[in-house]
């Protein structure tokens, strides 16, 4: 069977090669309808019971061709990704798992070349209601450069004033550098005849300073009955770099086009 994916203008095809009461073997392909677009093909063993492990081999072309092998299921999964680049290739092996509100992962990345990049990343996430807490530790080594990082954060979203209010905070520690903390919020919802999106961010570098920024966008669909959108956008940033001045930008735009719904 095939269906048209309007988002990337590609045709997806699915073919069941074999099936029994316990599993099925499925072939999949993604073919671009425009020249030069990405395409892929895969063969997968899919258990009828989603709690059981499966397997998949996927090959994709494009600017950076990739080959991916996946084994396992939601509880425990292993994935090996080979990515070819003009400078060589990168192999990423990842083990991940999920149990209840906790998911965790461990990745090992090896890049060809001299000196090649060696990187390990381990992390975990805890989901409690509308909140998500995360922690990650990483180490990268390339030649004589050895860098260790730690990242902790929290994010969440709640209904607010007929819309959705989201917020996040993330703190990053890099060895021999000042910690960096990022705060952010986002609200999107109906406002009058249109939709309003507002967001604010604050980047704080210890012993250096703060960089606030804000952005707002208002979209009014089909205000003239011609099938177009009227949008107003505003941006503000006060850079941390003393050599850059604060900036405010505003734009009003009307775009003609057929509406595809909300």
C-alpha atoms as a PDB file:
ATOM      1  CA  UNK A   1       0.000   0.000   0.000  1.00  0.00           C
ATOM      2  CA  UNK A   2       1.165   3.596  -0.548  1.00  0.00           C
ATOM      3  CA  UNK A   3       0.298   6.944   0.909  1.00  0.00           C
ATOM      4  CA  UNK A   4       1.444  10.447   0.061  1.00  0.00           C
ATOM      5  CA  UNK A   5       3.393  12.273   2.758  1.00  0.00           C
ATOM      6  CA  UNK A   6       2.813  15.943   1.978  1.00  0.00           C
ATOM      7  CA  UNK A   7       5.326  17.061   4.601  1.00  0.00           C
ATOM      8  CA  UNK A   8       8.353  15.716   2.695  1.00  0.00           C
ATOM      9  CA  UNK A   9       6.709  14.977  -0.672  1.00  0.00           C
ATOM     10  CA  UNK A  10       7.632  11.301  -0.571  1.00  0.00           C
ATOM     11  CA  UNK A  11       5.747   8.065  -1.202  1.00  0.00           C
ATOM     12  CA  UNK A  12       5.853   5.408   1.522  1.00  0.00           C
ATOM     13  CA  UNK A  13       5.241   1.772   0.614  1.00  0.00           C
ATOM     14  CA  UNK A  14       4.682  -1.170   2.944  1.00  0.00           C
ATOM     15  CA  UNK A  15       4.763  -4.839   1.945  1.00  0.00           C
ATOM     16  CA  UNK A  16       4.097  -7.758   4.280  1.00  0.00           C
ATOM     17  CA  UNK A  17       6.511 -10.499   3.201  1.00  0.00           C
ATOM     18  CA  UNK A  18       5.595 -13.123   5.792  1.00  0.00           C
ATOM     19  CA  UNK A  19       3.331 -13.359   8.820  1.00  0.00           C
ATOM     20  CA  UNK A  20       2.208 -15.816  11.481  1.00  0.00           C
ATOM     21  CA  UNK A  21       0.307 -15.448  14.777  1.00  0.00           C
ATOM     22  CA  UNK A  22       3.479 -14.242  16.523  1.00  0.00           C
ATOM     23  CA  UNK A  23       5.312 -11.955  14.089  1.00  0.00           C
ATOM     24  CA  UNK A  24       5.424 -10.510  10.617  1.00  0.00           C
ATOM     25  CA  UNK A  25       8.228  -9.573   8.233  1.00  0.00           C
ATOM     26  CA  UNK A  26       7.653  -6.222   6.555  1.00  0.00           C
ATOM     27  CA  UNK A  27       9.482  -4.425   3.777  1.00  0.00           C
ATOM     28  CA  UNK A  28       9.299  -0.627   3.676  1.00  0.00           C
ATOM     29  CA  UNK A  29      10.466   2.005   1.225  1.00  0.00           C
ATOM     30  CA  UNK A  30      10.477   5.790   1.078  1.00  0.00           C
ATOM     31  CA  UNK A  31      10.728   7.224  -2.437  1.00  0.00           C
ATOM     32  CA  UNK A  32      10.964  10.979  -3.148  1.00  0.00           C
ATOM     33  CA  UNK A  33       8.604  12.469  -5.715  1.00  0.00           C
ATOM     34  CA  UNK A  34      11.111  15.223  -6.481  1.00  0.00           C
ATOM     35  CA  UNK A  35      14.643  14.605  -7.858  1.00  0.00           C
ATOM     36  CA  UNK A  36      17.408  14.652  -5.270  1.00  0.00           C
ATOM     37  CA  UNK A  37      15.173  13.916  -2.300  1.00  0.00           C
ATOM     38  CA  UNK A  38      16.099  11.358   0.363  1.00  0.00           C
ATOM     39  CA  UNK A  39      15.048   7.738  -0.091  1.00  0.00           C
ATOM     40  CA  UNK A  40      15.308   4.667   2.115  1.00  0.00           C
ATOM     41  CA  UNK A  41      14.520   0.975   2.232  1.00  0.00           C
ATOM     42  CA  UNK A  42      14.204  -1.361   5.189  1.00  0.00           C
ATOM     43  CA  UNK A  43      13.206  -4.854   6.206  1.00  0.00           C
ATOM     44  CA  UNK A  44      11.805  -5.416   9.688  1.00  0.00           C
ATOM     45  CA  UNK A  45      10.692  -8.271  11.899  1.00  0.00           C
ATOM     46  CA  UNK A  46       7.749  -6.918  13.877  1.00  0.00           C
ATOM     47  CA  UNK A  47       6.218  -8.948  16.739  1.00  0.00           C
ATOM     48  CA  UNK A  48       2.435  -8.975  16.985  1.00  0.00           C
ATOM     49  CA  UNK A  49       2.822  -8.256  20.708  1.00  0.00           C
ATOM     50  CA  UNK A  50       4.562  -4.892  21.028  1.00  0.00           C
ATOM     51  CA  UNK A  51       6.115  -5.975  24.337  1.00  0.00           C
ATOM     52  CA  UNK A  52       8.310  -8.500  22.498  1.00  0.00           C
ATOM     53  CA  UNK A  53      11.588  -7.562  20.755  1.00  0.00           C
ATOM     54  CA  UNK A  54      11.897  -7.014  17.016  1.00  0.00           C
ATOM     55  CA  UNK A  55      14.612  -6.223  14.468  1.00  0.00           C
ATOM     56  CA  UNK A  56      15.124  -3.845  11.536  1.00  0.00           C
ATOM     57  CA  UNK A  57      17.747  -3.119   8.888  1.00  0.00           C
ATOM     58  CA  UNK A  58      17.418   0.309   7.229  1.00  0.00           C
ATOM     59  CA  UNK A  59      19.514   1.824   4.442  1.00  0.00           C
ATOM     60  CA  UNK A  60      19.094   5.472   3.402  1.00  0.00           C
ATOM     61  CA  UNK A  61      20.833   7.577   0.779  1.00  0.00           C
ATOM     62  CA  UNK A  62      21.269  11.328   0.431  1.00  0.00           C
ATOM     63  CA  UNK A  63      24.123  13.702   1.194  1.00  0.00           C
ATOM     64  CA  UNK A  64      25.168  11.453   4.104  1.00  0.00           C
ATOM     65  CA  UNK A  65      24.164   7.811   3.373  1.00  0.00           C
ATOM     66  CA  UNK A  66      23.376   5.728   6.460  1.00  0.00           C
ATOM     67  CA  UNK A  67      22.854   2.099   7.431  1.00  0.00           C
ATOM     68  CA  UNK A  68      21.066   1.267  10.674  1.00  0.00           C
ATOM     69  CA  UNK A  69      20.589  -2.047  12.481  1.00  0.00           C
ATOM     70  CA  UNK A  70      18.102  -2.149  15.379  1.00  0.00           C
ATOM     71  CA  UNK A  71      17.435  -5.057  17.740  1.00  0.00           C
ATOM     72  CA  UNK A  72      15.094  -5.239  20.724  1.00  0.00           C
ATOM     73  CA  UNK A  73      11.997  -3.439  21.938  1.00  0.00           C
ATOM     74  CA  UNK A  74      10.832  -0.747  24.332  1.00  0.00           C
ATOM     75  CA  UNK A  75      12.283  -2.430  27.415  1.00  0.00           C
ATOM     76  CA  UNK A  76      15.765  -2.848  25.924  1.00  0.00           C
ATOM     77  CA  UNK A  77      17.009  -1.870  22.474  1.00  0.00           C
ATOM     78  CA  UNK A  78      20.350  -1.897  20.665  1.00  0.00           C
ATOM     79  CA  UNK A  79      20.976   0.264  17.607  1.00  0.00           C
ATOM     80  CA  UNK A  80      24.076   0.580  15.432  1.00  0.00           C
ATOM     81  CA  UNK A  81      24.249   3.470  12.952  1.00  0.00           C
ATOM     82  CA  UNK A  82      26.885   3.834  10.226  1.00  0.00           C
ATOM     83  CA  UNK A  83      26.954   7.268   8.602  1.00  0.00           C
ATOM     84  CA  UNK A  84      29.175   8.052   5.630  1.00  0.00           C
ATOM     85  CA  UNK A  85      30.488  11.606   5.296  1.00  0.00           C
ATOM     86  CA  UNK A  86      32.970  13.248   2.892  1.00  0.00           C
ATOM     87  CA  UNK A  87      35.648  13.051   5.609  1.00  0.00           C
ATOM     88  CA  UNK A  88      35.103   9.360   6.331  1.00  0.00           C
ATOM     89  CA  UNK A  89      32.499   7.574   8.417  1.00  0.00           C
ATOM     90  CA  UNK A  90      30.951   7.634  11.870  1.00  0.00           C
ATOM     91  CA  UNK A  91      29.694   4.622  13.816  1.00  0.00           C
ATOM     92  CA  UNK A  92      27.237   5.201  16.667  1.00  0.00           C
ATOM     93  CA  UNK A  93      26.246   2.299  18.918  1.00  0.00           C
ATOM     94  CA  UNK A  94      23.402   2.949  21.356  1.00  0.00           C
ATOM     95  CA  UNK A  95      21.774   0.875  24.052  1.00  0.00           C
ATOM     96  CA  UNK A  96      18.491   2.265  25.391  1.00  0.00           C
ATOM     97  CA  UNK A  97      15.635   1.105  27.542  1.00  0.00           C
ATOM     98  CA  UNK A  98      12.406   2.205  29.153  1.00  0.00           C
ATOM     99  CA  UNK A  99      10.605   0.994  32.252  1.00  0.00           C
ATOM    100  CA  UNK A 100       7.608   2.901  33.573  1.00  0.00           C
ATOM    101  CA  UNK A 101       8.358   6.619  33.846  1.00  0.00           C
ATOM    102  CA  UNK A 102      12.128   6.159  33.384  1.00  0.00           C
ATOM    103  CA  UNK A 103      14.079   5.864  30.150  1.00  0.00           C
ATOM    104  CA  UNK A 104      17.864   5.684  29.837  1.00  0.00           C
ATOM    105  CA  UNK A 105      20.494   5.413  27.104  1.00  0.00           C
ATOM    106  CA  UNK A 106      24.205   4.937  26.499  1.00  0.00           C
ATOM    107  CA  UNK A 107      25.913   5.829  23.211  1.00  0.00           C
ATOM    108  CA  UNK A 108      29.417   5.313  21.939  1.00  0.00           C
ATOM    109  CA  UNK A 109      30.511   7.272  18.874  1.00  0.00           C
ATOM    110  CA  UNK A 110      33.612   6.592  16.802  1.00  0.00           C
ATOM    111  CA  UNK A 111      34.657   8.731  13.857  1.00  0.00           C
ATOM    112  CA  UNK A 112      37.253   7.679  11.331  1.00  0.00           C
ATOM    113  CA  UNK A 113      40.199   9.919  10.581  1.00  0.00           C
ATOM    114  CA  UNK A 114      43.421  10.904  12.307  1.00  0.00           C
ATOM    115  CA  UNK A 115      42.844  12.002  14.975  1.00  0.00           C
ATOM    116  CA  UNK A 116      39.353  10.520  15.003  1.00  0.00           C
ATOM    117  CA  UNK A 117      36.640  11.615  17.398  1.00  0.00           C
ATOM    118  CA  UNK A 118      35.771   9.280  20.266  1.00  0.00           C
ATOM    119  CA  UNK A 119      32.682  10.159  22.261  1.00  0.00           C
ATOM    120  CA  UNK A 120      30.516   8.536  24.918  1.00  0.00           C
ATOM    121  CA  UNK A 121      27.164   9.833  26.174  1.00  0.00           C
ATOM    122  CA  UNK A 122      24.991   8.414  28.964  1.00  0.00           C
ATOM    123  CA  UNK A 123      21.731   9.832  30.235  1.00  0.00           C
ATOM    124  CA  UNK A 124      18.349   9.225  31.782  1.00  0.00           C
ATOM    125  CA  UNK A 125      14.928  10.883  31.844  1.00  0.00           C
ATOM    126  CA  UNK A 126      12.170  10.769  34.429  1.00  0.00           C
ATOM    127  CA  UNK A 127       8.591  11.619  33.420  1.00  0.00           C
ATOM    128  CA  UNK A 128       6.188  12.636  36.186  1.00  0.00           C
ATOM    129  CA  UNK A 129       2.849  13.990  35.038  1.00  0.00           C
ATOM    130  CA  UNK A 130       3.466  17.056  32.868  1.00  0.00           C
ATOM    131  CA  UNK A 131       7.101  17.288  34.027  1.00  0.00           C
ATOM    132  CA  UNK A 132      10.237  15.752  32.526  1.00  0.00           C
ATOM    133  CA  UNK A 133      13.571  15.669  34.369  1.00  0.00           C
ATOM    134  CA  UNK A 134      16.792  14.757  32.573  1.00  0.00           C
ATOM    135  CA  UNK A 135      20.474  14.201  33.287  1.00  0.00           C
ATOM    136  CA  UNK A 136      23.317  13.498  30.889  1.00  0.00           C
ATOM    137  CA  UNK A 137      27.051  12.920  31.164  1.00  0.00           C
ATOM    138  CA  UNK A 138      29.405  12.932  28.201  1.00  0.00           C
ATOM    139  CA  UNK A 139      33.046  12.700  27.272  1.00  0.00           C
ATOM    140  CA  UNK A 140      34.652  13.441  23.910  1.00  0.00           C
ATOM    141  CA  UNK A 141      38.247  12.944  22.907  1.00  0.00           C
ATOM    142  CA  UNK A 142      39.938  13.964  19.698  1.00  0.00           C
ATOM    143  CA  UNK A 143      43.700  13.908  19.617  1.00  0.00           C
ATOM    144  CA  UNK A 144      45.019  15.596  22.763  1.00  0.00           C
ATOM    145  CA  UNK A 145      41.685  17.348  23.469  1.00  0.00           C
ATOM    146  CA  UNK A 146      39.662  15.596  26.189  1.00  0.00           C
ATOM    147  CA  UNK A 147      36.357  17.253  27.180  1.00  0.00           C
ATOM    148  CA  UNK A 148      33.907  16.153  29.852  1.00  0.00           C
ATOM    149  CA  UNK A 149      30.373  17.570  30.163  1.00  0.00           C
ATOM    150  CA  UNK A 150      27.365  17.239  32.447  1.00  0.00           C
ATOM    151  CA  UNK A 151      23.852  18.488  31.693  1.00  0.00           C
ATOM    152  CA  UNK A 152      20.820  18.525  33.980  1.00  0.00           C
ATOM    153  CA  UNK A 153      17.417  19.938  33.129  1.00  0.00           C
ATOM    154  CA  UNK A 154      13.686  19.990  33.609  1.00  0.00           C
ATOM    155  CA  UNK A 155      10.765  20.838  31.331  1.00  0.00           C
ATOM    156  CA  UNK A 156       6.999  20.734  31.396  1.00  0.00           C
ATOM    157  CA  UNK A 157       3.775  22.133  29.980  1.00  0.00           C
ATOM    158  CA  UNK A 158       0.337  22.945  31.375  1.00  0.00           C
ATOM    159  CA  UNK A 159      -2.915  24.363  29.992  1.00  0.00           C
ATOM    160  CA  UNK A 160      -3.080  28.111  30.610  1.00  0.00           C
ATOM    161  CA  UNK A 161      -5.526  30.776  29.395  1.00  0.00           C
ATOM    162  CA  UNK A 162      -7.051  28.591  26.636  1.00  0.00           C
ATOM    163  CA  UNK A 163      -3.550  27.755  25.387  1.00  0.00           C
ATOM    164  CA  UNK A 164      -0.480  25.805  26.433  1.00  0.00           C
ATOM    165  CA  UNK A 165       2.294  27.184  28.615  1.00  0.00           C
ATOM    166  CA  UNK A 166       5.654  25.397  28.416  1.00  0.00           C
ATOM    167  CA  UNK A 167       8.819  26.009  30.355  1.00  0.00           C
ATOM    168  CA  UNK A 168      12.292  24.561  30.631  1.00  0.00           C
ATOM    169  CA  UNK A 169      15.577  25.031  32.461  1.00  0.00           C
ATOM    170  CA  UNK A 170      18.908  23.442  31.547  1.00  0.00           C
ATOM    171  CA  UNK A 171      22.297  23.731  33.236  1.00  0.00           C
ATOM    172  CA  UNK A 172      25.468  22.653  31.478  1.00  0.00           C
ATOM    173  CA  UNK A 173      28.843  22.028  33.081  1.00  0.00           C
ATOM    174  CA  UNK A 174      31.931  21.787  30.867  1.00  0.00           C
ATOM    175  CA  UNK A 175      35.281  20.957  32.408  1.00  0.00           C
ATOM    176  CA  UNK A 176      37.452  24.079  32.982  1.00  0.00           C
ATOM    177  CA  UNK A 177      34.634  26.403  31.854  1.00  0.00           C
ATOM    178  CA  UNK A 178      32.008  28.499  33.644  1.00  0.00           C
ATOM    179  CA  UNK A 179      28.595  26.769  33.973  1.00  0.00           C
ATOM    180  CA  UNK A 180      25.873  27.889  31.576  1.00  0.00           C
ATOM    181  CA  UNK A 181      22.179  27.934  32.517  1.00  0.00           C
ATOM    182  CA  UNK A 182      19.360  28.400  30.009  1.00  0.00           C
ATOM    183  CA  UNK A 183      15.794  29.320  31.022  1.00  0.00           C
ATOM    184  CA  UNK A 184      12.900  29.381  28.588  1.00  0.00           C
ATOM    185  CA  UNK A 185       9.125  29.629  28.344  1.00  0.00           C
ATOM    186  CA  UNK A 186       6.625  29.420  25.517  1.00  0.00           C
ATOM    187  CA  UNK A 187       2.902  30.119  25.324  1.00  0.00           C
ATOM    188  CA  UNK A 188       0.674  29.463  22.342  1.00  0.00           C
ATOM    189  CA  UNK A 189      -3.060  29.893  22.137  1.00  0.00           C
ATOM    190  CA  UNK A 190      -5.987  31.802  20.650  1.00  0.00           C
ATOM    191  CA  UNK A 191      -6.006  35.573  20.914  1.00  0.00           C
ATOM    192  CA  UNK A 192      -8.864  37.467  19.287  1.00  0.00           C
ATOM    193  CA  UNK A 193      -9.430  36.265  15.711  1.00  0.00           C
ATOM    194  CA  UNK A 194      -5.960  34.726  15.441  1.00  0.00           C
ATOM    195  CA  UNK A 195      -3.287  32.709  17.230  1.00  0.00           C
ATOM    196  CA  UNK A 196      -0.521  34.137  19.395  1.00  0.00           C
ATOM    197  CA  UNK A 197       2.831  32.516  20.143  1.00  0.00           C
ATOM    198  CA  UNK A 198       5.149  34.173  22.672  1.00  0.00           C
ATOM    199  CA  UNK A 199       8.452  32.932  24.005  1.00  0.00           C
ATOM    200  CA  UNK A 200      11.252  34.215  26.195  1.00  0.00           C
ATOM    201  CA  UNK A 201      14.732  32.922  26.914  1.00  0.00           C
ATOM    202  CA  UNK A 202      17.556  33.789  29.283  1.00  0.00           C
ATOM    203  CA  UNK A 203      21.115  32.486  28.935  1.00  0.00           C
ATOM    204  CA  UNK A 204      23.244  32.929  32.052  1.00  0.00           C
ATOM    205  CA  UNK A 205      26.993  32.291  32.056  1.00  0.00           C
ATOM    206  CA  UNK A 206      28.441  32.356  35.561  1.00  0.00           C
ATOM    207  CA  UNK A 207      30.975  35.154  36.119  1.00  0.00           C
ATOM    208  CA  UNK A 208      30.255  36.496  32.618  1.00  0.00           C
ATOM    209  CA  UNK A 209      26.684  37.777  32.381  1.00  0.00           C
ATOM    210  CA  UNK A 210      23.178  37.249  31.050  1.00  0.00           C
ATOM    211  CA  UNK A 211      21.673  37.266  27.565  1.00  0.00           C
ATOM    212  CA  UNK A 212      17.882  37.744  27.428  1.00  0.00           C
ATOM    213  CA  UNK A 213      15.836  37.301  24.267  1.00  0.00           C
ATOM    214  CA  UNK A 214      12.163  37.283  23.356  1.00  0.00           C
ATOM    215  CA  UNK A 215      10.004  36.577  20.330  1.00  0.00           C
ATOM    216  CA  UNK A 216       6.303  36.889  19.525  1.00  0.00           C
ATOM    217  CA  UNK A 217       4.235  35.950  16.494  1.00  0.00           C
ATOM    218  CA  UNK A 218       0.576  36.617  15.731  1.00  0.00           C
ATOM    219  CA  UNK A 219      -1.163  34.836  12.840  1.00  0.00           C
ATOM    220  CA  UNK A 220      -4.584  35.784  11.499  1.00  0.00           C
ATOM    221  CA  UNK A 221      -5.817  33.270   8.942  1.00  0.00           C
ATOM    222  CA  UNK A 222      -7.775  34.405   5.901  1.00  0.00           C
ATOM    223  CA  UNK A 223      -8.515  37.965   7.099  1.00  0.00           C
ATOM    224  CA  UNK A 224      -9.597  39.175   3.633  1.00  0.00           C
ATOM    225  CA  UNK A 225     -11.389  36.022   2.490  1.00  0.00           C
ATOM    226  CA  UNK A 226      -8.722  35.378  -0.153  1.00  0.00           C
ATOM    227  CA  UNK A 227      -7.228  32.297   1.471  1.00  0.00           C
ATOM    228  CA  UNK A 228      -4.080  33.905   2.867  1.00  0.00           C
ATOM    229  CA  UNK A 229      -2.446  34.551   6.236  1.00  0.00           C
ATOM    230  CA  UNK A 230      -1.583  37.820   7.941  1.00  0.00           C
ATOM    231  CA  UNK A 231       1.323  37.490  10.341  1.00  0.00           C
ATOM    232  CA  UNK A 232       3.124  39.935  12.628  1.00  0.00           C
ATOM    233  CA  UNK A 233       6.471  38.976  14.159  1.00  0.00           C
ATOM    234  CA  UNK A 234       8.692  40.716  16.681  1.00  0.00           C
ATOM    235  CA  UNK A 235      12.118  39.742  18.082  1.00  0.00           C
ATOM    236  CA  UNK A 236      14.403  41.182  20.756  1.00  0.00           C
ATOM    237  CA  UNK A 237      17.862  40.137  21.899  1.00  0.00           C
ATOM    238  CA  UNK A 238      20.413  41.684  24.237  1.00  0.00           C
ATOM    239  CA  UNK A 239      23.651  39.838  23.354  1.00  0.00           C
ATOM    240  CA  UNK A 240      26.103  38.682  25.961  1.00  0.00           C
ATOM    241  CA  UNK A 241      28.942  39.704  23.643  1.00  0.00           C
ATOM    242  CA  UNK A 242      29.861  43.333  24.514  1.00  0.00           C
ATOM    243  CA  UNK A 243      30.841  43.939  20.884  1.00  0.00           C
ATOM    244  CA  UNK A 244      27.265  43.336  19.722  1.00  0.00           C
ATOM    245  CA  UNK A 245      24.433  45.804  20.268  1.00  0.00           C
ATOM    246  CA  UNK A 246      20.895  44.993  21.376  1.00  0.00           C
ATOM    247  CA  UNK A 247      18.513  44.460  18.493  1.00  0.00           C
ATOM    248  CA  UNK A 248      14.757  44.716  17.928  1.00  0.00           C
ATOM    249  CA  UNK A 249      13.161  43.456  14.721  1.00  0.00           C
ATOM    250  CA  UNK A 250       9.546  43.570  13.591  1.00  0.00           C
ATOM    251  CA  UNK A 251       7.855  42.316  10.449  1.00  0.00           C
ATOM    252  CA  UNK A 252       4.327  42.390   9.046  1.00  0.00           C
ATOM    253  CA  UNK A 253       3.577  39.978   6.210  1.00  0.00           C
ATOM    254  CA  UNK A 254       0.588  38.813   4.198  1.00  0.00           C
ATOM    255  CA  UNK A 255       0.891  35.537   2.286  1.00  0.00           C
ATOM    256  CA  UNK A 256      -1.566  34.374  -0.339  1.00  0.00           C
ATOM    257  CA  UNK A 257      -2.306  30.676  -0.597  1.00  0.00           C
ATOM    258  CA  UNK A 258      -4.955  28.010  -0.189  1.00  0.00           C
ATOM    259  CA  UNK A 259      -5.726  27.142   3.418  1.00  0.00           C
ATOM    260  CA  UNK A 260      -5.021  23.567   4.592  1.00  0.00           C
ATOM    261  CA  UNK A 261      -6.940  23.886   7.819  1.00  0.00           C
ATOM    262  CA  UNK A 262      -5.858  24.768  11.358  1.00  0.00           C
END
